[in-house]
Amino acid sequence: MTAMIAVIVLMLGAMALEARWLARRQQWRELIAASAIWIVATAYAALVIAPIDLVSPSEIIMALLDLIYAWLKM
């Protein structure tokens, strides 16, 4: 549990540094996109450290691509 909290704190700290840098330069779209990516990365890192089984990211991507391909093929 301590490791999970440490990872979350480190990820949010890195996110805060990048957010501050982007906000100073008034790059709002980049700030929104980077924040979304950091939030997803933080959640994934917390799940990787948690004692649960996760589906491989490549399997998720392949399933999404199969759905998109099937939808486009109609």
PDB file of N, CA and C in Angstrom:
ATOM      1  N   MET A   1       0.830  -1.197   0.000  1.00  0.00           N
ATOM      2  CA  MET A   1       0.000   0.000   0.000  1.00  0.00           C
ATOM      3  C   MET A   1       0.870   1.255   0.000  1.00  0.00           C
ATOM      4  N   THR A   2       1.968   1.205   0.725  1.00  0.00           N
ATOM      5  CA  THR A   2       2.877   2.352   0.773  1.00  0.00           C
ATOM      6  C   THR A   2       3.484   2.614  -0.599  1.00  0.00           C
ATOM      7  N   ALA A   3       3.809   1.539  -1.319  1.00  0.00           N
ATOM      8  CA  ALA A   3       4.386   1.700  -2.656  1.00  0.00           C
ATOM      9  C   ALA A   3       3.384   2.352  -3.600  1.00  0.00           C
ATOM     10  N   MET A   4       2.118   1.979  -3.478  1.00  0.00           N
ATOM     11  CA  MET A   4       1.094   2.562  -4.341  1.00  0.00           C
ATOM     12  C   MET A   4       0.949   4.055  -4.071  1.00  0.00           C
ATOM     13  N   ILE A   5       0.939   4.427  -2.817  1.00  0.00           N
ATOM     14  CA  ILE A   5       0.830   5.844  -2.454  1.00  0.00           C
ATOM     15  C   ILE A   5       2.047   6.611  -2.954  1.00  0.00           C
ATOM     16  N   ALA A   6       3.229   6.004  -2.828  1.00  0.00           N
ATOM     17  CA  ALA A   6       4.453   6.657  -3.294  1.00  0.00           C
ATOM     18  C   ALA A   6       4.411   6.882  -4.804  1.00  0.00           C
ATOM     19  N   VAL A   7       3.952   5.893  -5.546  1.00  0.00           N
ATOM     20  CA  VAL A   7       3.865   6.037  -7.002  1.00  0.00           C
ATOM     21  C   VAL A   7       2.873   7.132  -7.371  1.00  0.00           C
ATOM     22  N   ILE A   8       1.739   7.149  -6.711  1.00  0.00           N
ATOM     23  CA  ILE A   8       0.729   8.172  -7.004  1.00  0.00           C
ATOM     24  C   ILE A   8       1.270   9.565  -6.701  1.00  0.00           C
ATOM     25  N   VAL A   9       1.945   9.716  -5.575  1.00  0.00           N
ATOM     26  CA  VAL A   9       2.509  11.020  -5.209  1.00  0.00           C
ATOM     27  C   VAL A   9       3.573  11.447  -6.215  1.00  0.00           C
ATOM     28  N   LEU A  10       4.443  10.523  -6.623  1.00  0.00           N
ATOM     29  CA  LEU A  10       5.483  10.857  -7.601  1.00  0.00           C
ATOM     30  C   LEU A  10       4.883  11.226  -8.960  1.00  0.00           C
ATOM     31  N   MET A  11       3.899  10.475  -9.394  1.00  0.00           N
ATOM     32  CA  MET A  11       3.273  10.770 -10.683  1.00  0.00           C
ATOM     33  C   MET A  11       2.549  12.120 -10.646  1.00  0.00           C
ATOM     34  N   LEU A  12       1.824  12.378  -9.573  1.00  0.00           N
ATOM     35  CA  LEU A  12       1.119  13.659  -9.468  1.00  0.00           C
ATOM     36  C   LEU A  12       2.099  14.820  -9.332  1.00  0.00           C
ATOM     37  N   GLY A  13       3.234  14.587  -8.675  1.00  0.00           N
ATOM     38  CA  GLY A  13       4.265  15.622  -8.589  1.00  0.00           C
ATOM     39  C   GLY A  13       4.835  15.959  -9.957  1.00  0.00           C
ATOM     40  N   ALA A  14       5.116  14.928 -10.746  1.00  0.00           N
ATOM     41  CA  ALA A  14       5.616  15.160 -12.104  1.00  0.00           C
ATOM     42  C   ALA A  14       4.566  15.867 -12.953  1.00  0.00           C
ATOM     43  N   MET A  15       3.314  15.475 -12.769  1.00  0.00           N
ATOM     44  CA  MET A  15       2.223  16.128 -13.496  1.00  0.00           C
ATOM     45  C   MET A  15       2.134  17.604 -13.119  1.00  0.00           C
ATOM     46  N   ALA A  16       2.280  17.903 -11.840  1.00  0.00           N
ATOM     47  CA  ALA A  16       2.202  19.295 -11.382  1.00  0.00           C
ATOM     48  C   ALA A  16       3.319  20.137 -11.989  1.00  0.00           C
ATOM     49  N   LEU A  17       4.520  19.568 -12.085  1.00  0.00           N
ATOM     50  CA  LEU A  17       5.633  20.308 -12.688  1.00  0.00           C
ATOM     51  C   LEU A  17       5.350  20.621 -14.155  1.00  0.00           C
ATOM     52  N   GLU A  18       4.872  19.631 -14.877  1.00  0.00           N
ATOM     53  CA  GLU A  18       4.569  19.859 -16.289  1.00  0.00           C
ATOM     54  C   GLU A  18       3.397  20.821 -16.456  1.00  0.00           C
ATOM     55  N   ALA A  19       2.389  20.690 -15.608  1.00  0.00           N
ATOM     56  CA  ALA A  19       1.225  21.573 -15.688  1.00  0.00           C
ATOM     57  C   ALA A  19       1.630  23.020 -15.417  1.00  0.00           C
ATOM     58  N   ARG A  20       2.492  23.217 -14.456  1.00  0.00           N
ATOM     59  CA  ARG A  20       2.950  24.578 -14.152  1.00  0.00           C
ATOM     60  C   ARG A  20       3.704  25.167 -15.340  1.00  0.00           C
ATOM     61  N   TRP A  21       4.550  24.346 -15.967  1.00  0.00           N
ATOM     62  CA  TRP A  21       5.335  24.797 -17.110  1.00  0.00           C
ATOM     63  C   TRP A  21       4.414  25.174 -18.276  1.00  0.00           C
ATOM     64  N   LEU A  22       3.403  24.341 -18.535  1.00  0.00           N
ATOM     65  CA  LEU A  22       2.480  24.626 -19.633  1.00  0.00           C
ATOM     66  C   LEU A  22       1.575  25.817 -19.321  1.00  0.00           C
ATOM     67  N   ALA A  23       1.159  25.965 -18.083  1.00  0.00           N
ATOM     68  CA  ALA A  23       0.291  27.084 -17.707  1.00  0.00           C
ATOM     69  C   ALA A  23       1.031  28.414 -17.823  1.00  0.00           C
ATOM     70  N   ARG A  24       2.298  28.429 -17.476  1.00  0.00           N
ATOM     71  CA  ARG A  24       3.078  29.670 -17.606  1.00  0.00           C
ATOM     72  C   ARG A  24       3.160  30.124 -19.052  1.00  0.00           C
ATOM     73  N   ARG A  25       3.219  29.176 -19.962  1.00  0.00           N
ATOM     74  CA  ARG A  25       3.308  29.503 -21.381  1.00  0.00           C
ATOM     75  C   ARG A  25       1.931  29.621 -22.034  1.00  0.00           C
ATOM     76  N   GLN A  26       0.892  29.507 -21.230  1.00  0.00           N
ATOM     77  CA  GLN A  26      -0.505  29.615 -21.665  1.00  0.00           C
ATOM     78  C   GLN A  26      -0.821  28.654 -22.811  1.00  0.00           C
ATOM     79  N   GLN A  27      -0.334  27.443 -22.694  1.00  0.00           N
ATOM     80  CA  GLN A  27      -0.623  26.395 -23.672  1.00  0.00           C
ATOM     81  C   GLN A  27      -1.745  25.526 -23.103  1.00  0.00           C
ATOM     82  N   TRP A  28      -2.969  26.037 -23.203  1.00  0.00           N
ATOM     83  CA  TRP A  28      -4.096  25.423 -22.507  1.00  0.00           C
ATOM     84  C   TRP A  28      -4.495  24.085 -23.109  1.00  0.00           C
ATOM     85  N   ARG A  29      -4.484  23.970 -24.422  1.00  0.00           N
ATOM     86  CA  ARG A  29      -4.848  22.687 -25.038  1.00  0.00           C
ATOM     87  C   ARG A  29      -3.834  21.609 -24.682  1.00  0.00           C
ATOM     88  N   GLU A  30      -2.572  21.973 -24.728  1.00  0.00           N
ATOM     89  CA  GLU A  30      -1.534  21.021 -24.359  1.00  0.00           C
ATOM     90  C   GLU A  30      -1.644  20.641 -22.888  1.00  0.00           C
ATOM     91  N   LEU A  31      -2.021  21.605 -22.055  1.00  0.00           N
ATOM     92  CA  LEU A  31      -2.204  21.343 -20.628  1.00  0.00           C
ATOM     93  C   LEU A  31      -3.331  20.343 -20.400  1.00  0.00           C
ATOM     94  N   ILE A  32      -4.426  20.515 -21.106  1.00  0.00           N
ATOM     95  CA  ILE A  32      -5.555  19.588 -20.965  1.00  0.00           C
ATOM     96  C   ILE A  32      -5.161  18.192 -21.436  1.00  0.00           C
ATOM     97  N   ALA A  33      -4.506  18.106 -22.590  1.00  0.00           N
ATOM     98  CA  ALA A  33      -4.103  16.805 -23.124  1.00  0.00           C
ATOM     99  C   ALA A  33      -3.083  16.128 -22.217  1.00  0.00           C
ATOM    100  N   ALA A  34      -2.087  16.888 -21.768  1.00  0.00           N
ATOM    101  CA  ALA A  34      -1.061  16.314 -20.896  1.00  0.00           C
ATOM    102  C   ALA A  34      -1.658  15.876 -19.564  1.00  0.00           C
ATOM    103  N   SER A  35      -2.580  16.653 -19.036  1.00  0.00           N
ATOM    104  CA  SER A  35      -3.221  16.278 -17.769  1.00  0.00           C
ATOM    105  C   SER A  35      -4.007  14.983 -17.914  1.00  0.00           C
ATOM    106  N   ALA A  36      -4.718  14.844 -19.017  1.00  0.00           N
ATOM    107  CA  ALA A  36      -5.477  13.609 -19.247  1.00  0.00           C
ATOM    108  C   ALA A  36      -4.544  12.408 -19.349  1.00  0.00           C
ATOM    109  N   ILE A  37      -3.445  12.575 -20.062  1.00  0.00           N
ATOM    110  CA  ILE A  37      -2.477  11.481 -20.191  1.00  0.00           C
ATOM    111  C   ILE A  37      -1.867  11.144 -18.841  1.00  0.00           C
ATOM    112  N   TRP A  38      -1.521  12.154 -18.054  1.00  0.00           N
ATOM    113  CA  TRP A  38      -0.938  11.904 -16.733  1.00  0.00           C
ATOM    114  C   TRP A  38      -1.923  11.209 -15.803  1.00  0.00           C
ATOM    115  N   ILE A  39      -3.188  11.578 -15.881  1.00  0.00           N
ATOM    116  CA  ILE A  39      -4.197  10.935 -15.025  1.00  0.00           C
ATOM    117  C   ILE A  39      -4.330   9.457 -15.387  1.00  0.00           C
ATOM    118  N   VAL A  40      -4.383   9.167 -16.683  1.00  0.00           N
ATOM    119  CA  VAL A  40      -4.471   7.767 -17.118  1.00  0.00           C
ATOM    120  C   VAL A  40      -3.210   7.005 -16.718  1.00  0.00           C
ATOM    121  N   ALA A  41      -2.047   7.622 -16.902  1.00  0.00           N
ATOM    122  CA  ALA A  41      -0.788   6.964 -16.540  1.00  0.00           C
ATOM    123  C   ALA A  41      -0.701   6.714 -15.039  1.00  0.00           C
ATOM    124  N   THR A  42      -1.173   7.656 -14.242  1.00  0.00           N
ATOM    125  CA  THR A  42      -1.163   7.488 -12.788  1.00  0.00           C
ATOM    126  C   THR A  42      -2.087   6.357 -12.371  1.00  0.00           C
ATOM    127  N   ALA A  43      -3.269   6.314 -12.958  1.00  0.00           N
ATOM    128  CA  ALA A  43      -4.209   5.229 -12.635  1.00  0.00           C
ATOM    129  C   ALA A  43      -3.629   3.883 -13.037  1.00  0.00           C
ATOM    130  N   TYR A  44      -3.014   3.810 -14.210  1.00  0.00           N
ATOM    131  CA  TYR A  44      -2.427   2.546 -14.662  1.00  0.00           C
ATOM    132  C   TYR A  44      -1.260   2.136 -13.768  1.00  0.00           C
ATOM    133  N   ALA A  45      -0.418   3.087 -13.402  1.00  0.00           N
ATOM    134  CA  ALA A  45       0.710   2.764 -12.517  1.00  0.00           C
ATOM    135  C   ALA A  45       0.222   2.256 -11.167  1.00  0.00           C
ATOM    136  N   ALA A  46      -0.832   2.860 -10.644  1.00  0.00           N
ATOM    137  CA  ALA A  46      -1.390   2.401  -9.366  1.00  0.00           C
ATOM    138  C   ALA A  46      -1.954   0.992  -9.499  1.00  0.00           C
ATOM    139  N   LEU A  47      -2.592   0.703 -10.623  1.00  0.00           N
ATOM    140  CA  LEU A  47      -3.136  -0.637 -10.836  1.00  0.00           C
ATOM    141  C   LEU A  47      -2.042  -1.682 -11.021  1.00  0.00           C
ATOM    142  N   VAL A  48      -0.946  -1.295 -11.655  1.00  0.00           N
ATOM    143  CA  VAL A  48       0.163  -2.234 -11.842  1.00  0.00           C
ATOM    144  C   VAL A  48       0.766  -2.612 -10.502  1.00  0.00           C
ATOM    145  N   ILE A  49       0.876  -1.648  -9.598  1.00  0.00           N
ATOM    146  CA  ILE A  49       1.464  -1.917  -8.281  1.00  0.00           C
ATOM    147  C   ILE A  49       0.490  -2.659  -7.377  1.00  0.00           C
ATOM    148  N   ALA A  50      -0.812  -2.444  -7.578  1.00  0.00           N
ATOM    149  CA  ALA A  50      -1.819  -3.105  -6.744  1.00  0.00           C
ATOM    150  C   ALA A  50      -1.763  -4.621  -6.969  1.00  0.00           C
ATOM    151  N   PRO A  51      -2.091  -5.379  -5.938  1.00  0.00           N
ATOM    152  CA  PRO A  51      -2.020  -6.846  -6.062  1.00  0.00           C
ATOM    153  C   PRO A  51      -3.241  -7.436  -6.778  1.00  0.00           C
ATOM    154  N   ILE A  52      -3.478  -6.989  -8.019  1.00  0.00           N
ATOM    155  CA  ILE A  52      -4.581  -7.539  -8.807  1.00  0.00           C
ATOM    156  C   ILE A  52      -4.057  -7.899 -10.192  1.00  0.00           C
ATOM    157  N   ASP A  53      -4.749  -8.806 -10.863  1.00  0.00           N
ATOM    158  CA  ASP A  53      -4.368  -9.188 -12.218  1.00  0.00           C
ATOM    159  C   ASP A  53      -4.962  -8.201 -13.212  1.00  0.00           C
ATOM    160  N   LEU A  54      -4.131  -7.776 -14.145  1.00  0.00           N
ATOM    161  CA  LEU A  54      -4.572  -6.831 -15.168  1.00  0.00           C
ATOM    162  C   LEU A  54      -4.525  -7.485 -16.538  1.00  0.00           C
ATOM    163  N   VAL A  55      -5.383  -7.021 -17.412  1.00  0.00           N
ATOM    164  CA  VAL A  55      -5.339  -7.446 -18.801  1.00  0.00           C
ATOM    165  C   VAL A  55      -4.170  -6.721 -19.461  1.00  0.00           C
ATOM    166  N   SER A  56      -3.484  -7.407 -20.335  1.00  0.00           N
ATOM    167  CA  SER A  56      -2.362  -6.810 -21.045  1.00  0.00           C
ATOM    168  C   SER A  56      -2.842  -5.633 -21.897  1.00  0.00           C
ATOM    169  N   PRO A  57      -2.129  -4.510 -21.870  1.00  0.00           N
ATOM    170  CA  PRO A  57      -2.535  -3.364 -22.695  1.00  0.00           C
ATOM    171  C   PRO A  57      -2.576  -3.703 -24.184  1.00  0.00           C
ATOM    172  N   SER A  58      -1.694  -4.586 -24.627  1.00  0.00           N
ATOM    173  CA  SER A  58      -1.711  -4.956 -26.044  1.00  0.00           C
ATOM    174  C   SER A  58      -2.993  -5.705 -26.402  1.00  0.00           C
ATOM    175  N   GLU A  59      -3.524  -6.502 -25.483  1.00  0.00           N
ATOM    176  CA  GLU A  59      -4.789  -7.193 -25.737  1.00  0.00           C
ATOM    177  C   GLU A  59      -5.941  -6.195 -25.848  1.00  0.00           C
ATOM    178  N   ILE A  60      -5.920  -5.170 -25.024  1.00  0.00           N
ATOM    179  CA  ILE A  60      -6.960  -4.136 -25.080  1.00  0.00           C
ATOM    180  C   ILE A  60      -6.889  -3.391 -26.408  1.00  0.00           C
ATOM    181  N   ILE A  61      -5.684  -3.034 -26.821  1.00  0.00           N
ATOM    182  CA  ILE A  61      -5.506  -2.311 -28.082  1.00  0.00           C
ATOM    183  C   ILE A  61      -5.957  -3.169 -29.259  1.00  0.00           C
ATOM    184  N   MET A  62      -5.589  -4.451 -29.243  1.00  0.00           N
ATOM    185  CA  MET A  62      -5.997  -5.346 -30.329  1.00  0.00           C
ATOM    186  C   MET A  62      -7.518  -5.487 -30.384  1.00  0.00           C
ATOM    187  N   ALA A  63      -8.165  -5.586 -29.223  1.00  0.00           N
ATOM    188  CA  ALA A  63      -9.624  -5.690 -29.191  1.00  0.00           C
ATOM    189  C   ALA A  63     -10.271  -4.417 -29.741  1.00  0.00           C
ATOM    190  N   LEU A  64      -9.728  -3.265 -29.371  1.00  0.00           N
ATOM    191  CA  LEU A  64     -10.260  -1.996 -29.892  1.00  0.00           C
ATOM    192  C   LEU A  64     -10.073  -1.888 -31.401  1.00  0.00           C
ATOM    193  N   LEU A  65      -8.906  -2.286 -31.878  1.00  0.00           N
ATOM    194  CA  LEU A  65      -8.663  -2.244 -33.320  1.00  0.00           C
ATOM    195  C   LEU A  65      -9.578  -3.210 -34.066  1.00  0.00           C
ATOM    196  N   ASP A  66      -9.836  -4.381 -33.488  1.00  0.00           N
ATOM    197  CA  ASP A  66     -10.773  -5.326 -34.100  1.00  0.00           C
ATOM    198  C   ASP A  66     -12.173  -4.727 -34.185  1.00  0.00           C
ATOM    199  N   LEU A  67     -12.599  -4.050 -33.121  1.00  0.00           N
ATOM    200  CA  LEU A  67     -13.913  -3.400 -33.137  1.00  0.00           C
ATOM    201  C   LEU A  67     -13.989  -2.307 -34.200  1.00  0.00           C
ATOM    202  N   ILE A  68     -12.950  -1.502 -34.280  1.00  0.00           N
ATOM    203  CA  ILE A  68     -12.926  -0.423 -35.272  1.00  0.00           C
ATOM    204  C   ILE A  68     -12.940  -1.000 -36.678  1.00  0.00           C
ATOM    205  N   TYR A  69     -12.138  -2.036 -36.895  1.00  0.00           N
ATOM    206  CA  TYR A  69     -12.084  -2.666 -38.212  1.00  0.00           C
ATOM    207  C   TYR A  69     -13.438  -3.262 -38.588  1.00  0.00           C
ATOM    208  N   ALA A  70     -14.077  -3.936 -37.648  1.00  0.00           N
ATOM    209  CA  ALA A  70     -15.392  -4.528 -37.912  1.00  0.00           C
ATOM    210  C   ALA A  70     -16.426  -3.439 -38.194  1.00  0.00           C
ATOM    211  N   TRP A  71     -16.343  -2.331 -37.486  1.00  0.00           N
ATOM    212  CA  TRP A  71     -17.280  -1.228 -37.681  1.00  0.00           C
ATOM    213  C   TRP A  71     -17.080  -0.573 -39.054  1.00  0.00           C
ATOM    214  N   LEU A  72     -15.815  -0.405 -39.464  1.00  0.00           N
ATOM    215  CA  LEU A  72     -15.530   0.217 -40.754  1.00  0.00           C
ATOM    216  C   LEU A  72     -15.881  -0.705 -41.918  1.00  0.00           C
ATOM    217  N   LYS A  73     -15.749  -1.999 -41.688  1.00  0.00           N
ATOM    218  CA  LYS A  73     -16.000  -2.967 -42.752  1.00  0.00           C
ATOM    219  C   LYS A  73     -17.487  -3.112 -43.045  1.00  0.00           C
ATOM    220  N   MET A  74     -18.307  -3.018 -42.045  1.00  0.00           N
ATOM    221  CA  MET A  74     -19.757  -3.189 -42.138  1.00  0.00           C
ATOM    222  C   MET A  74     -20.119  -3.753 -43.467  1.00  0.00           C
TER     223      MET A  74
END
